[in-house]
Amino acid sequence: MKRRITLQDIALDLNLTPATVSRALNNHPEISDKTKKMVEETATRLDYNRNKIASSLRSGKTHVIGVLIPTAEPAFFGSVIHGITNIANSSGYDVIIYQSNEMYEYEVKGIKAFMSARVDGILASISKETIDCSHFINAKRNGIPVVLFDRVNNDLDIPSVTVDDYQGGFIATEHLIEQGYKRIAHVSGPQHIKAFYDRLKGYRGALQANGIRFDASLVYAGDISIEAGKAAVENFLKLPVRPDAIFAVEDFAALGVIKQLKARGIKMPEEMGVFGFCNDLFSEHITPGLSTIDQQTVLMGQEAVKMIFHIIDNNNGMYQPSKVVLDPLPVIRESSLRVST
């Protein structure tokens, strides 16, 4: 087995003291740039790996960020993580990713795991089961900064990065109205999650702005899944007057809508328009292509990690909450473009 290279080995190679080598590797201002460069080159040549645990004990920082996501299934969260890791890695931070599988119990375990690992900060998106958010408050009280992204809880005194979900719901619904659809239904998500609540509000706002009466029978309480989209279609088709368009709270529910409409032989967009939310990777590759709302996922990840670094650099947890709200971008495809007759 190859012996682990130590600071002593680098010091012997360069005829320096281990203390000087350590200070050079840690960019100490008293060490000359020439010496720093020489030490770095020698460390690389000898294949020296820094002891991060020892380093963290000295500095009080692990240079690790924990990222908690509800699920890895949608490309949405992978894209957000891409934005996070790009900036984190270039800033000398490692990223630990924990998936809650949309379960409150696993989410709590994830936060506890991050706290045990002594991460410098936590970025999190709330699971659809989560109502009690005390685990986030507990992390904050223990001096670990927390930033929420996408799915947040406005009752928490915690910074966040989101898209304007109300405006996104409004844009989606108004687009369907402009295409000539007159009876627009909505497949909603769990209403304790602000993003899904705001998208429903945006849907209602667009109806009101265009003089269309809100009909509660046209809202199906879903759980952001393909199966929910299918069940919603069956529910709507049983109504005395069925809808002629469906706005789904996210793309997986919209995919379920499209699959079930196809199974029922209903033509899209002629007989039924469909609009999603998220702009997941599959959206442009299905038939018909799914109109949706792009949430600027990479930018969301970048803004979230910038926010956590700002908090870390300003006394680790002592901060005033702030909110970053990104613009929703409509992506119009065949599913909502009604063929003119």
C-alpha atoms as a PDB file:
ATOM      1  CA  MET A   1       0.000   0.000   0.000  1.00  0.00           C
ATOM      2  CA  LYS A   2       1.277   3.435  -0.935  1.00  0.00           C
ATOM      3  CA  ARG A   3       2.354   5.491   2.074  1.00  0.00           C
ATOM      4  CA  ARG A   4       0.405   8.701   2.723  1.00  0.00           C
ATOM      5  CA  ILE A   5       2.443  11.812   1.937  1.00  0.00           C
ATOM      6  CA  THR A   6       2.618  14.255   4.848  1.00  0.00           C
ATOM      7  CA  LEU A   7       3.614  17.882   5.377  1.00  0.00           C
ATOM      8  CA  GLN A   8       6.919  16.555   6.771  1.00  0.00           C
ATOM      9  CA  ASP A   9       7.696  14.892   3.417  1.00  0.00           C
ATOM     10  CA  ILE A  10       7.179  18.160   1.531  1.00  0.00           C
ATOM     11  CA  ALA A  11       9.237  20.037   4.110  1.00  0.00           C
ATOM     12  CA  LEU A  12      12.157  17.566   3.796  1.00  0.00           C
ATOM     13  CA  ASP A  13      12.039  17.759   0.002  1.00  0.00           C
ATOM     14  CA  LEU A  14      12.263  21.565   0.060  1.00  0.00           C
ATOM     15  CA  ASN A  15      14.429  21.952   3.177  1.00  0.00           C
ATOM     16  CA  LEU A  16      11.664  23.944   4.871  1.00  0.00           C
ATOM     17  CA  THR A  17       9.889  23.523   8.194  1.00  0.00           C
ATOM     18  CA  PRO A  18       6.499  21.756   8.264  1.00  0.00           C
ATOM     19  CA  ALA A  19       5.011  24.952   9.721  1.00  0.00           C
ATOM     20  CA  THR A  20       6.189  26.966   6.703  1.00  0.00           C
ATOM     21  CA  VAL A  21       4.749  24.352   4.331  1.00  0.00           C
ATOM     22  CA  SER A  22       1.429  24.440   6.177  1.00  0.00           C
ATOM     23  CA  ARG A  23       1.243  28.229   6.029  1.00  0.00           C
ATOM     24  CA  ALA A  24       2.137  28.213   2.335  1.00  0.00           C
ATOM     25  CA  LEU A  25      -0.602  25.697   1.526  1.00  0.00           C
ATOM     26  CA  ASN A  26      -3.074  27.828   3.480  1.00  0.00           C
ATOM     27  CA  ASN A  27      -2.101  30.999   1.601  1.00  0.00           C
ATOM     28  CA  HIS A  28      -0.701  32.741   4.679  1.00  0.00           C
ATOM     29  CA  PRO A  29       0.161  36.412   3.937  1.00  0.00           C
ATOM     30  CA  GLU A  30       3.595  36.130   5.572  1.00  0.00           C
ATOM     31  CA  ILE A  31       4.736  33.523   3.030  1.00  0.00           C
ATOM     32  CA  SER A  32       6.113  34.821  -0.262  1.00  0.00           C
ATOM     33  CA  ASP A  33       4.391  34.020  -3.543  1.00  0.00           C
ATOM     34  CA  LYS A  34       7.566  32.278  -4.712  1.00  0.00           C
ATOM     35  CA  THR A  35       7.536  29.927  -1.725  1.00  0.00           C
ATOM     36  CA  LYS A  36       3.802  29.296  -2.062  1.00  0.00           C
ATOM     37  CA  LYS A  37       4.229  28.331  -5.708  1.00  0.00           C
ATOM     38  CA  MET A  38       7.189  26.066  -4.915  1.00  0.00           C
ATOM     39  CA  VAL A  39       5.269  24.306  -2.126  1.00  0.00           C
ATOM     40  CA  GLU A  40       2.143  23.860  -4.289  1.00  0.00           C
ATOM     41  CA  GLU A  41       4.200  22.371  -7.133  1.00  0.00           C
ATOM     42  CA  THR A  42       5.978  19.980  -4.789  1.00  0.00           C
ATOM     43  CA  ALA A  43       2.711  18.940  -3.136  1.00  0.00           C
ATOM     44  CA  THR A  44       1.290  18.128  -6.574  1.00  0.00           C
ATOM     45  CA  ARG A  45       4.434  16.231  -7.610  1.00  0.00           C
ATOM     46  CA  LEU A  46       4.404  14.135  -4.440  1.00  0.00           C
ATOM     47  CA  ASP A  47       0.631  13.559  -4.689  1.00  0.00           C
ATOM     48  CA  TYR A  48      -0.096  15.149  -1.328  1.00  0.00           C
ATOM     49  CA  ASN A  49      -3.711  15.133  -0.167  1.00  0.00           C
ATOM     50  CA  ARG A  50      -4.637  17.619   2.500  1.00  0.00           C
ATOM     51  CA  ASN A  51      -6.229  16.339   5.688  1.00  0.00           C
ATOM     52  CA  LYS A  52      -9.530  18.172   5.499  1.00  0.00           C
ATOM     53  CA  ILE A  53     -10.604  17.067   8.968  1.00  0.00           C
ATOM     54  CA  ALA A  54      -7.513  18.531  10.595  1.00  0.00           C
ATOM     55  CA  SER A  55      -7.799  21.638   8.474  1.00  0.00           C
ATOM     56  CA  SER A  56     -11.437  22.122   9.448  1.00  0.00           C
ATOM     57  CA  LEU A  57     -10.593  21.800  13.138  1.00  0.00           C
ATOM     58  CA  ARG A  58      -8.055  24.596  12.764  1.00  0.00           C
ATOM     59  CA  SER A  59     -10.190  26.920  10.631  1.00  0.00           C
ATOM     60  CA  GLY A  60     -13.639  26.099  11.974  1.00  0.00           C
ATOM     61  CA  LYS A  61     -14.799  25.417   8.387  1.00  0.00           C
ATOM     62  CA  THR A  62     -15.169  22.170   6.470  1.00  0.00           C
ATOM     63  CA  HIS A  63     -15.612  23.841   3.058  1.00  0.00           C
ATOM     64  CA  VAL A  64     -18.537  21.482   2.433  1.00  0.00           C
ATOM     65  CA  ILE A  65     -22.085  22.480   1.475  1.00  0.00           C
ATOM     66  CA  GLY A  66     -25.042  20.139   1.983  1.00  0.00           C
ATOM     67  CA  VAL A  67     -27.748  20.122  -0.695  1.00  0.00           C
ATOM     68  CA  LEU A  68     -31.100  18.526   0.142  1.00  0.00           C
ATOM     69  CA  ILE A  69     -33.437  17.736  -2.780  1.00  0.00           C
ATOM     70  CA  PRO A  70     -36.875  16.092  -2.743  1.00  0.00           C
ATOM     71  CA  THR A  71     -36.131  13.777  -5.653  1.00  0.00           C
ATOM     72  CA  ALA A  72     -33.548  13.180  -8.354  1.00  0.00           C
ATOM     73  CA  GLU A  73     -36.179  12.143 -10.914  1.00  0.00           C
ATOM     74  CA  PRO A  74     -36.963  15.452 -12.620  1.00  0.00           C
ATOM     75  CA  ALA A  75     -34.112  16.963 -14.593  1.00  0.00           C
ATOM     76  CA  PHE A  76     -35.126  20.174 -12.814  1.00  0.00           C
ATOM     77  CA  PHE A  77     -33.200  19.375  -9.632  1.00  0.00           C
ATOM     78  CA  GLY A  78     -30.208  18.036 -11.556  1.00  0.00           C
ATOM     79  CA  SER A  79     -30.032  21.338 -13.383  1.00  0.00           C
ATOM     80  CA  VAL A  80     -30.203  23.313 -10.127  1.00  0.00           C
ATOM     81  CA  ILE A  81     -27.401  21.161  -8.688  1.00  0.00           C
ATOM     82  CA  HIS A  82     -25.347  21.856 -11.819  1.00  0.00           C
ATOM     83  CA  GLY A  83     -25.617  25.582 -11.064  1.00  0.00           C
ATOM     84  CA  ILE A  84     -24.691  24.978  -7.421  1.00  0.00           C
ATOM     85  CA  THR A  85     -21.674  22.728  -7.997  1.00  0.00           C
ATOM     86  CA  ASN A  86     -20.151  24.925 -10.711  1.00  0.00           C
ATOM     87  CA  ILE A  87     -19.757  27.840  -8.316  1.00  0.00           C
ATOM     88  CA  ALA A  88     -19.081  25.718  -5.221  1.00  0.00           C
ATOM     89  CA  ASN A  89     -16.228  23.792  -6.845  1.00  0.00           C
ATOM     90  CA  SER A  90     -14.624  26.916  -8.267  1.00  0.00           C
ATOM     91  CA  SER A  91     -14.777  28.413  -4.767  1.00  0.00           C
ATOM     92  CA  GLY A  92     -12.981  25.444  -3.187  1.00  0.00           C
ATOM     93  CA  TYR A  93     -16.105  23.831  -1.712  1.00  0.00           C
ATOM     94  CA  ASP A  94     -17.288  20.242  -1.947  1.00  0.00           C
ATOM     95  CA  VAL A  95     -20.995  19.405  -2.193  1.00  0.00           C
ATOM     96  CA  ILE A  96     -22.862  16.584  -0.428  1.00  0.00           C
ATOM     97  CA  ILE A  97     -26.258  15.739  -1.952  1.00  0.00           C
ATOM     98  CA  TYR A  98     -29.033  14.077   0.072  1.00  0.00           C
ATOM     99  CA  GLN A  99     -32.334  12.983  -1.451  1.00  0.00           C
ATOM    100  CA  SER A 100     -35.446  12.960   0.750  1.00  0.00           C
ATOM    101  CA  ASN A 101     -37.534  10.922  -1.716  1.00  0.00           C
ATOM    102  CA  GLU A 102     -40.378  13.393  -1.062  1.00  0.00           C
ATOM    103  CA  MET A 103     -40.572  12.093   2.532  1.00  0.00           C
ATOM    104  CA  TYR A 104     -40.566  14.244   5.681  1.00  0.00           C
ATOM    105  CA  GLU A 105     -38.767  11.538   7.699  1.00  0.00           C
ATOM    106  CA  TYR A 106     -35.857  11.354   5.247  1.00  0.00           C
ATOM    107  CA  GLU A 107     -35.686  15.124   5.021  1.00  0.00           C
ATOM    108  CA  VAL A 108     -35.167  15.350   8.800  1.00  0.00           C
ATOM    109  CA  LYS A 109     -32.515  12.608   8.581  1.00  0.00           C
ATOM    110  CA  GLY A 110     -30.773  14.547   5.822  1.00  0.00           C
ATOM    111  CA  ILE A 111     -30.552  17.711   7.903  1.00  0.00           C
ATOM    112  CA  LYS A 112     -29.222  15.712  10.872  1.00  0.00           C
ATOM    113  CA  ALA A 113     -26.617  14.082   8.615  1.00  0.00           C
ATOM    114  CA  PHE A 114     -25.471  17.489   7.370  1.00  0.00           C
ATOM    115  CA  MET A 115     -25.206  18.787  10.926  1.00  0.00           C
ATOM    116  CA  SER A 116     -23.172  15.733  11.973  1.00  0.00           C
ATOM    117  CA  ALA A 117     -20.869  16.301   8.998  1.00  0.00           C
ATOM    118  CA  ARG A 118     -20.399  19.894  10.183  1.00  0.00           C
ATOM    119  CA  VAL A 119     -21.223  21.356   6.764  1.00  0.00           C
ATOM    120  CA  ASP A 120     -20.680  25.094   6.421  1.00  0.00           C
ATOM    121  CA  GLY A 121     -24.150  25.647   4.966  1.00  0.00           C
ATOM    122  CA  ILE A 122     -27.305  23.889   3.767  1.00  0.00           C
ATOM    123  CA  LEU A 123     -29.272  24.440   0.552  1.00  0.00           C
ATOM    124  CA  ALA A 124     -32.664  22.724   0.617  1.00  0.00           C
ATOM    125  CA  SER A 125     -35.904  22.231  -1.284  1.00  0.00           C
ATOM    126  CA  ILE A 126     -38.832  21.035   0.832  1.00  0.00           C
ATOM    127  CA  SER A 127     -40.462  17.614   0.263  1.00  0.00           C
ATOM    128  CA  LYS A 128     -44.151  17.440  -0.605  1.00  0.00           C
ATOM    129  CA  GLU A 129     -44.829  15.700   2.750  1.00  0.00           C
ATOM    130  CA  THR A 130     -43.207  18.411   4.859  1.00  0.00           C
ATOM    131  CA  ILE A 131     -45.435  20.623   6.976  1.00  0.00           C
ATOM    132  CA  ASP A 132     -43.349  20.888  10.153  1.00  0.00           C
ATOM    133  CA  CYS A 133     -40.134  22.748   9.235  1.00  0.00           C
ATOM    134  CA  SER A 134     -38.555  22.892  12.696  1.00  0.00           C
ATOM    135  CA  HIS A 135     -35.508  20.898  11.507  1.00  0.00           C
ATOM    136  CA  PHE A 136     -34.459  23.842   9.326  1.00  0.00           C
ATOM    137  CA  ILE A 137     -34.858  26.236  12.248  1.00  0.00           C
ATOM    138  CA  ASN A 138     -32.812  23.863  14.424  1.00  0.00           C
ATOM    139  CA  ALA A 139     -29.935  23.872  11.931  1.00  0.00           C
ATOM    140  CA  LYS A 140     -30.001  27.663  11.834  1.00  0.00           C
ATOM    141  CA  ARG A 141     -30.007  27.853  15.653  1.00  0.00           C
ATOM    142  CA  ASN A 142     -26.938  25.644  15.657  1.00  0.00           C
ATOM    143  CA  GLY A 143     -25.086  28.182  13.548  1.00  0.00           C
ATOM    144  CA  ILE A 144     -25.467  26.478  10.167  1.00  0.00           C
ATOM    145  CA  PRO A 145     -26.816  28.862   7.507  1.00  0.00           C
ATOM    146  CA  VAL A 146     -29.798  27.558   5.519  1.00  0.00           C
ATOM    147  CA  VAL A 147     -31.069  28.767   2.141  1.00  0.00           C
ATOM    148  CA  LEU A 148     -34.220  27.290   0.608  1.00  0.00           C
ATOM    149  CA  PHE A 149     -34.737  27.048  -3.152  1.00  0.00           C
ATOM    150  CA  ASP A 150     -37.740  26.339  -5.400  1.00  0.00           C
ATOM    151  CA  ARG A 151     -40.019  24.865  -2.714  1.00  0.00           C
ATOM    152  CA  VAL A 152     -39.984  27.172   0.282  1.00  0.00           C
ATOM    153  CA  ASN A 153     -42.035  28.114   3.318  1.00  0.00           C
ATOM    154  CA  ASN A 154     -42.596  31.847   3.719  1.00  0.00           C
ATOM    155  CA  ASP A 155     -43.423  31.440   7.405  1.00  0.00           C
ATOM    156  CA  LEU A 156     -39.784  30.565   8.052  1.00  0.00           C
ATOM    157  CA  ASP A 157     -37.230  33.268   8.800  1.00  0.00           C
ATOM    158  CA  ILE A 158     -34.923  31.770   6.162  1.00  0.00           C
ATOM    159  CA  PRO A 159     -33.535  33.215   2.875  1.00  0.00           C
ATOM    160  CA  SER A 160     -34.769  31.702  -0.369  1.00  0.00           C
ATOM    161  CA  VAL A 161     -34.371  31.596  -4.143  1.00  0.00           C
ATOM    162  CA  THR A 162     -37.511  30.913  -6.156  1.00  0.00           C
ATOM    163  CA  VAL A 163     -39.175  31.630  -9.460  1.00  0.00           C
ATOM    164  CA  ASP A 164     -42.232  33.907  -9.494  1.00  0.00           C
ATOM    165  CA  ASP A 165     -44.724  31.038  -9.333  1.00  0.00           C
ATOM    166  CA  TYR A 166     -47.768  33.313  -9.302  1.00  0.00           C
ATOM    167  CA  GLN A 167     -46.629  35.014 -12.497  1.00  0.00           C
ATOM    168  CA  GLY A 168     -45.808  31.638 -14.055  1.00  0.00           C
ATOM    169  CA  GLY A 169     -49.309  30.340 -13.349  1.00  0.00           C
ATOM    170  CA  PHE A 170     -50.776  33.561 -14.702  1.00  0.00           C
ATOM    171  CA  ILE A 171     -48.704  33.385 -17.912  1.00  0.00           C
ATOM    172  CA  ALA A 172     -49.616  29.738 -18.550  1.00  0.00           C
ATOM    173  CA  THR A 173     -53.343  30.304 -18.048  1.00  0.00           C
ATOM    174  CA  GLU A 174     -53.472  33.542 -20.021  1.00  0.00           C
ATOM    175  CA  HIS A 175     -51.671  31.884 -22.933  1.00  0.00           C
ATOM    176  CA  LEU A 176     -54.396  29.216 -23.054  1.00  0.00           C
ATOM    177  CA  ILE A 177     -57.054  31.940 -22.973  1.00  0.00           C
ATOM    178  CA  GLU A 178     -55.335  33.783 -25.832  1.00  0.00           C
ATOM    179  CA  GLN A 179     -55.367  30.542 -27.839  1.00  0.00           C
ATOM    180  CA  GLY A 180     -59.158  30.509 -27.626  1.00  0.00           C
ATOM    181  CA  TYR A 181     -59.660  27.988 -24.810  1.00  0.00           C
ATOM    182  CA  LYS A 182     -62.636  28.962 -22.682  1.00  0.00           C
ATOM    183  CA  ARG A 183     -62.946  26.305 -19.980  1.00  0.00           C
ATOM    184  CA  ILE A 184     -59.505  25.835 -18.459  1.00  0.00           C
ATOM    185  CA  ALA A 185     -58.878  23.298 -15.694  1.00  0.00           C
ATOM    186  CA  HIS A 186     -55.959  23.076 -13.284  1.00  0.00           C
ATOM    187  CA  VAL A 187     -54.164  20.064 -11.781  1.00  0.00           C
ATOM    188  CA  SER A 188     -52.807  21.497  -8.541  1.00  0.00           C
ATOM    189  CA  GLY A 189     -50.112  20.354  -6.099  1.00  0.00           C
ATOM    190  CA  PRO A 190     -50.001  20.168  -2.273  1.00  0.00           C
ATOM    191  CA  GLN A 191     -51.173  23.597  -1.148  1.00  0.00           C
ATOM    192  CA  HIS A 192     -48.951  23.808   1.944  1.00  0.00           C
ATOM    193  CA  ILE A 193     -46.026  24.225  -0.467  1.00  0.00           C
ATOM    194  CA  LYS A 194     -45.830  27.867  -1.490  1.00  0.00           C
ATOM    195  CA  ALA A 195     -44.819  27.193  -5.110  1.00  0.00           C
ATOM    196  CA  PHE A 196     -47.929  25.126  -5.831  1.00  0.00           C
ATOM    197  CA  TYR A 197     -50.188  27.478  -3.878  1.00  0.00           C
ATOM    198  CA  ASP A 198     -48.896  30.456  -5.870  1.00  0.00           C
ATOM    199  CA  ARG A 199     -49.357  28.673  -9.213  1.00  0.00           C
ATOM    200  CA  LEU A 200     -53.010  28.054  -8.338  1.00  0.00           C
ATOM    201  CA  LYS A 201     -53.343  31.725  -7.385  1.00  0.00           C
ATOM    202  CA  GLY A 202     -51.795  32.705 -10.726  1.00  0.00           C
ATOM    203  CA  TYR A 203     -54.292  30.484 -12.542  1.00  0.00           C
ATOM    204  CA  ARG A 204     -57.185  32.133 -10.699  1.00  0.00           C
ATOM    205  CA  GLY A 205     -55.690  35.584 -11.273  1.00  0.00           C
ATOM    206  CA  ALA A 206     -55.523  35.082 -15.039  1.00  0.00           C
ATOM    207  CA  LEU A 207     -59.122  33.872 -15.150  1.00  0.00           C
ATOM    208  CA  GLN A 208     -60.275  36.927 -13.213  1.00  0.00           C
ATOM    209  CA  ALA A 209     -58.218  39.324 -15.340  1.00  0.00           C
ATOM    210  CA  ASN A 210     -59.903  37.930 -18.444  1.00  0.00           C
ATOM    211  CA  GLY A 211     -63.451  37.962 -17.096  1.00  0.00           C
ATOM    212  CA  ILE A 212     -63.745  34.177 -16.669  1.00  0.00           C
ATOM    213  CA  ARG A 213     -65.550  32.920 -13.581  1.00  0.00           C
ATOM    214  CA  PHE A 214     -63.565  30.570 -11.355  1.00  0.00           C
ATOM    215  CA  ASP A 215     -65.117  27.087 -11.135  1.00  0.00           C
ATOM    216  CA  ALA A 216     -63.854  24.965  -8.215  1.00  0.00           C
ATOM    217  CA  SER A 217     -64.878  21.761 -10.042  1.00  0.00           C
ATOM    218  CA  LEU A 218     -62.137  22.509 -12.591  1.00  0.00           C
ATOM    219  CA  VAL A 219     -59.372  22.222  -9.969  1.00  0.00           C
ATOM    220  CA  TYR A 220     -58.077  18.722  -9.218  1.00  0.00           C
ATOM    221  CA  ALA A 221     -55.959  18.275  -6.068  1.00  0.00           C
ATOM    222  CA  GLY A 222     -52.958  16.318  -7.309  1.00  0.00           C
ATOM    223  CA  ASP A 223     -49.605  15.266  -5.901  1.00  0.00           C
ATOM    224  CA  ILE A 224     -47.214  16.275  -8.717  1.00  0.00           C
ATOM    225  CA  SER A 225     -47.063  12.858 -10.380  1.00  0.00           C
ATOM    226  CA  ILE A 226     -47.903  11.191 -13.686  1.00  0.00           C
ATOM    227  CA  GLU A 227     -50.662   9.233 -11.963  1.00  0.00           C
ATOM    228  CA  ALA A 228     -52.205  12.449 -10.641  1.00  0.00           C
ATOM    229  CA  GLY A 229     -52.330  13.826 -14.177  1.00  0.00           C
ATOM    230  CA  LYS A 230     -54.078  10.696 -15.430  1.00  0.00           C
ATOM    231  CA  ALA A 231     -56.576  10.725 -12.560  1.00  0.00           C
ATOM    232  CA  ALA A 232     -57.274  14.414 -13.164  1.00  0.00           C
ATOM    233  CA  VAL A 233     -58.238  13.733 -16.786  1.00  0.00           C
ATOM    234  CA  GLU A 234     -60.676  11.010 -15.732  1.00  0.00           C
ATOM    235  CA  ASN A 235     -62.153  13.375 -13.151  1.00  0.00           C
ATOM    236  CA  PHE A 236     -62.577  16.223 -15.642  1.00  0.00           C
ATOM    237  CA  LEU A 237     -64.124  13.985 -18.313  1.00  0.00           C
ATOM    238  CA  LYS A 238     -66.902  13.026 -15.868  1.00  0.00           C
ATOM    239  CA  LEU A 239     -68.025  16.645 -15.499  1.00  0.00           C
ATOM    240  CA  PRO A 240     -71.301  17.696 -17.209  1.00  0.00           C
ATOM    241  CA  VAL A 241     -69.252  20.138 -19.269  1.00  0.00           C
ATOM    242  CA  ARG A 242     -65.680  19.031 -19.659  1.00  0.00           C
ATOM    243  CA  PRO A 243     -62.751  21.481 -19.908  1.00  0.00           C
ATOM    244  CA  ASP A 244     -61.096  22.311 -23.219  1.00  0.00           C
ATOM    245  CA  ALA A 245     -57.632  22.948 -21.705  1.00  0.00           C
ATOM    246  CA  ILE A 246     -55.629  21.805 -18.681  1.00  0.00           C
ATOM    247  CA  PHE A 247     -52.844  23.690 -16.898  1.00  0.00           C
ATOM    248  CA  ALA A 248     -50.837  21.265 -14.758  1.00  0.00           C
ATOM    249  CA  VAL A 249     -48.796  22.442 -11.781  1.00  0.00           C
ATOM    250  CA  GLU A 250     -45.652  20.721 -13.103  1.00  0.00           C
ATOM    251  CA  ASP A 251     -44.481  18.698 -16.087  1.00  0.00           C
ATOM    252  CA  PHE A 252     -44.867  15.171 -14.684  1.00  0.00           C
ATOM    253  CA  ALA A 253     -48.529  15.846 -13.958  1.00  0.00           C
ATOM    254  CA  ALA A 254     -48.823  17.334 -17.471  1.00  0.00           C
ATOM    255  CA  LEU A 255     -47.232  14.182 -18.907  1.00  0.00           C
ATOM    256  CA  GLY A 256     -49.895  12.128 -17.145  1.00  0.00           C
ATOM    257  CA  VAL A 257     -52.555  14.404 -18.648  1.00  0.00           C
ATOM    258  CA  ILE A 258     -51.160  13.914 -22.165  1.00  0.00           C
ATOM    259  CA  LYS A 259     -50.887  10.130 -21.767  1.00  0.00           C
ATOM    260  CA  GLN A 260     -54.477   9.826 -20.562  1.00  0.00           C
ATOM    261  CA  LEU A 261     -55.877  12.146 -23.228  1.00  0.00           C
ATOM    262  CA  LYS A 262     -54.152   9.980 -25.841  1.00  0.00           C
ATOM    263  CA  ALA A 263     -55.602   6.850 -24.244  1.00  0.00           C
ATOM    264  CA  ARG A 264     -59.051   8.444 -24.491  1.00  0.00           C
ATOM    265  CA  GLY A 265     -58.543   9.441 -28.133  1.00  0.00           C
ATOM    266  CA  ILE A 266     -58.763  13.167 -27.416  1.00  0.00           C
ATOM    267  CA  LYS A 267     -56.761  15.266 -29.864  1.00  0.00           C
ATOM    268  CA  MET A 268     -54.268  17.847 -28.625  1.00  0.00           C
ATOM    269  CA  PRO A 269     -54.294  20.780 -29.014  1.00  0.00           C
ATOM    270  CA  GLU A 270     -57.450  20.814 -31.160  1.00  0.00           C
ATOM    271  CA  GLU A 271     -59.842  19.325 -28.576  1.00  0.00           C
ATOM    272  CA  MET A 272     -57.789  19.894 -25.445  1.00  0.00           C
ATOM    273  CA  GLY A 273     -54.844  22.198 -24.785  1.00  0.00           C
ATOM    274  CA  VAL A 274     -52.195  21.248 -22.220  1.00  0.00           C
ATOM    275  CA  PHE A 275     -49.690  23.428 -20.367  1.00  0.00           C
ATOM    276  CA  GLY A 276     -47.100  22.316 -17.779  1.00  0.00           C
ATOM    277  CA  PHE A 277     -44.596  23.972 -15.463  1.00  0.00           C
ATOM    278  CA  CYS A 278     -40.854  23.254 -15.082  1.00  0.00           C
ATOM    279  CA  ASN A 279     -39.544  22.676 -18.615  1.00  0.00           C
ATOM    280  CA  ASP A 280     -38.204  19.236 -17.764  1.00  0.00           C
ATOM    281  CA  LEU A 281     -35.972  17.603 -20.377  1.00  0.00           C
ATOM    282  CA  PHE A 282     -38.680  15.282 -21.690  1.00  0.00           C
ATOM    283  CA  SER A 283     -41.059  18.180 -22.410  1.00  0.00           C
ATOM    284  CA  GLU A 284     -39.749  18.901 -25.892  1.00  0.00           C
ATOM    285  CA  HIS A 285     -39.356  15.235 -26.849  1.00  0.00           C
ATOM    286  CA  ILE A 286     -42.907  13.987 -26.301  1.00  0.00           C
ATOM    287  CA  THR A 287     -45.764  14.279 -28.807  1.00  0.00           C
ATOM    288  CA  PRO A 288     -47.186  16.827 -28.796  1.00  0.00           C
ATOM    289  CA  GLY A 289     -44.320  18.893 -27.435  1.00  0.00           C
ATOM    290  CA  LEU A 290     -45.335  20.272 -24.045  1.00  0.00           C
ATOM    291  CA  SER A 291     -45.798  24.011 -23.512  1.00  0.00           C
ATOM    292  CA  THR A 292     -44.375  24.850 -20.111  1.00  0.00           C
ATOM    293  CA  ILE A 293     -42.698  27.420 -17.862  1.00  0.00           C
ATOM    294  CA  ASP A 294     -38.909  27.484 -17.612  1.00  0.00           C
ATOM    295  CA  GLN A 295     -37.743  28.197 -14.036  1.00  0.00           C
ATOM    296  CA  GLN A 296     -34.166  29.224 -14.909  1.00  0.00           C
ATOM    297  CA  THR A 297     -32.855  26.267 -12.918  1.00  0.00           C
ATOM    298  CA  VAL A 298     -29.111  26.775 -13.398  1.00  0.00           C
ATOM    299  CA  LEU A 299     -29.453  30.422 -12.402  1.00  0.00           C
ATOM    300  CA  MET A 300     -31.535  29.342  -9.398  1.00  0.00           C
ATOM    301  CA  GLY A 301     -28.701  27.081  -8.225  1.00  0.00           C
ATOM    302  CA  GLN A 302     -26.113  29.784  -8.811  1.00  0.00           C
ATOM    303  CA  GLU A 303     -28.088  32.384  -6.868  1.00  0.00           C
ATOM    304  CA  ALA A 304     -28.679  29.957  -3.991  1.00  0.00           C
ATOM    305  CA  VAL A 305     -25.008  29.066  -3.569  1.00  0.00           C
ATOM    306  CA  LYS A 306     -23.964  32.719  -3.872  1.00  0.00           C
ATOM    307  CA  MET A 307     -26.418  33.543  -1.099  1.00  0.00           C
ATOM    308  CA  ILE A 308     -25.096  30.790   1.195  1.00  0.00           C
ATOM    309  CA  PHE A 309     -21.497  31.932   0.613  1.00  0.00           C
ATOM    310  CA  HIS A 310     -22.465  35.506   1.455  1.00  0.00           C
ATOM    311  CA  ILE A 311     -23.982  34.296   4.718  1.00  0.00           C
ATOM    312  CA  ILE A 312     -20.965  32.092   5.533  1.00  0.00           C
ATOM    313  CA  ASP A 313     -18.587  34.977   4.877  1.00  0.00           C
ATOM    314  CA  ASN A 314     -20.585  37.247   7.180  1.00  0.00           C
ATOM    315  CA  ASN A 315     -20.161  35.477  10.502  1.00  0.00           C
ATOM    316  CA  ASN A 316     -21.732  32.117   9.702  1.00  0.00           C
ATOM    317  CA  GLY A 317     -25.435  32.328  10.346  1.00  0.00           C
ATOM    318  CA  MET A 318     -25.844  35.885  11.641  1.00  0.00           C
ATOM    319  CA  TYR A 319     -27.844  37.330   8.779  1.00  0.00           C
ATOM    320  CA  GLN A 320     -31.005  39.044   7.671  1.00  0.00           C
ATOM    321  CA  PRO A 321     -33.261  36.879   5.488  1.00  0.00           C
ATOM    322  CA  SER A 322     -33.492  37.885   1.858  1.00  0.00           C
ATOM    323  CA  LYS A 323     -35.512  36.651  -1.079  1.00  0.00           C
ATOM    324  CA  VAL A 324     -34.401  36.250  -4.688  1.00  0.00           C
ATOM    325  CA  VAL A 325     -37.294  35.821  -7.138  1.00  0.00           C
ATOM    326  CA  LEU A 326     -36.489  34.848 -10.729  1.00  0.00           C
ATOM    327  CA  ASP A 327     -38.657  35.558 -13.762  1.00  0.00           C
ATOM    328  CA  PRO A 328     -40.657  32.630 -15.204  1.00  0.00           C
ATOM    329  CA  LEU A 329     -40.003  32.110 -18.922  1.00  0.00           C
ATOM    330  CA  PRO A 330     -42.798  30.673 -21.102  1.00  0.00           C
ATOM    331  CA  VAL A 331     -41.748  27.932 -23.532  1.00  0.00           C
ATOM    332  CA  ILE A 332     -44.521  27.470 -26.069  1.00  0.00           C
ATOM    333  CA  ARG A 333     -44.821  24.164 -27.941  1.00  0.00           C
ATOM    334  CA  GLU A 334     -47.490  22.215 -29.825  1.00  0.00           C
ATOM    335  CA  SER A 335     -49.610  21.087 -26.853  1.00  0.00           C
ATOM    336  CA  SER A 336     -51.171  24.530 -26.372  1.00  0.00           C
ATOM    337  CA  LEU A 337     -51.079  25.978 -29.894  1.00  0.00           C
ATOM    338  CA  ARG A 338     -54.622  25.417 -31.091  1.00  0.00           C
ATOM    339  CA  VAL A 339     -54.855  24.713 -34.821  1.00  0.00           C
ATOM    340  CA  SER A 340     -56.907  27.452 -36.493  1.00  0.00           C
ATOM    341  CA  THR A 341     -59.916  26.322 -38.502  1.00  0.00           C
END
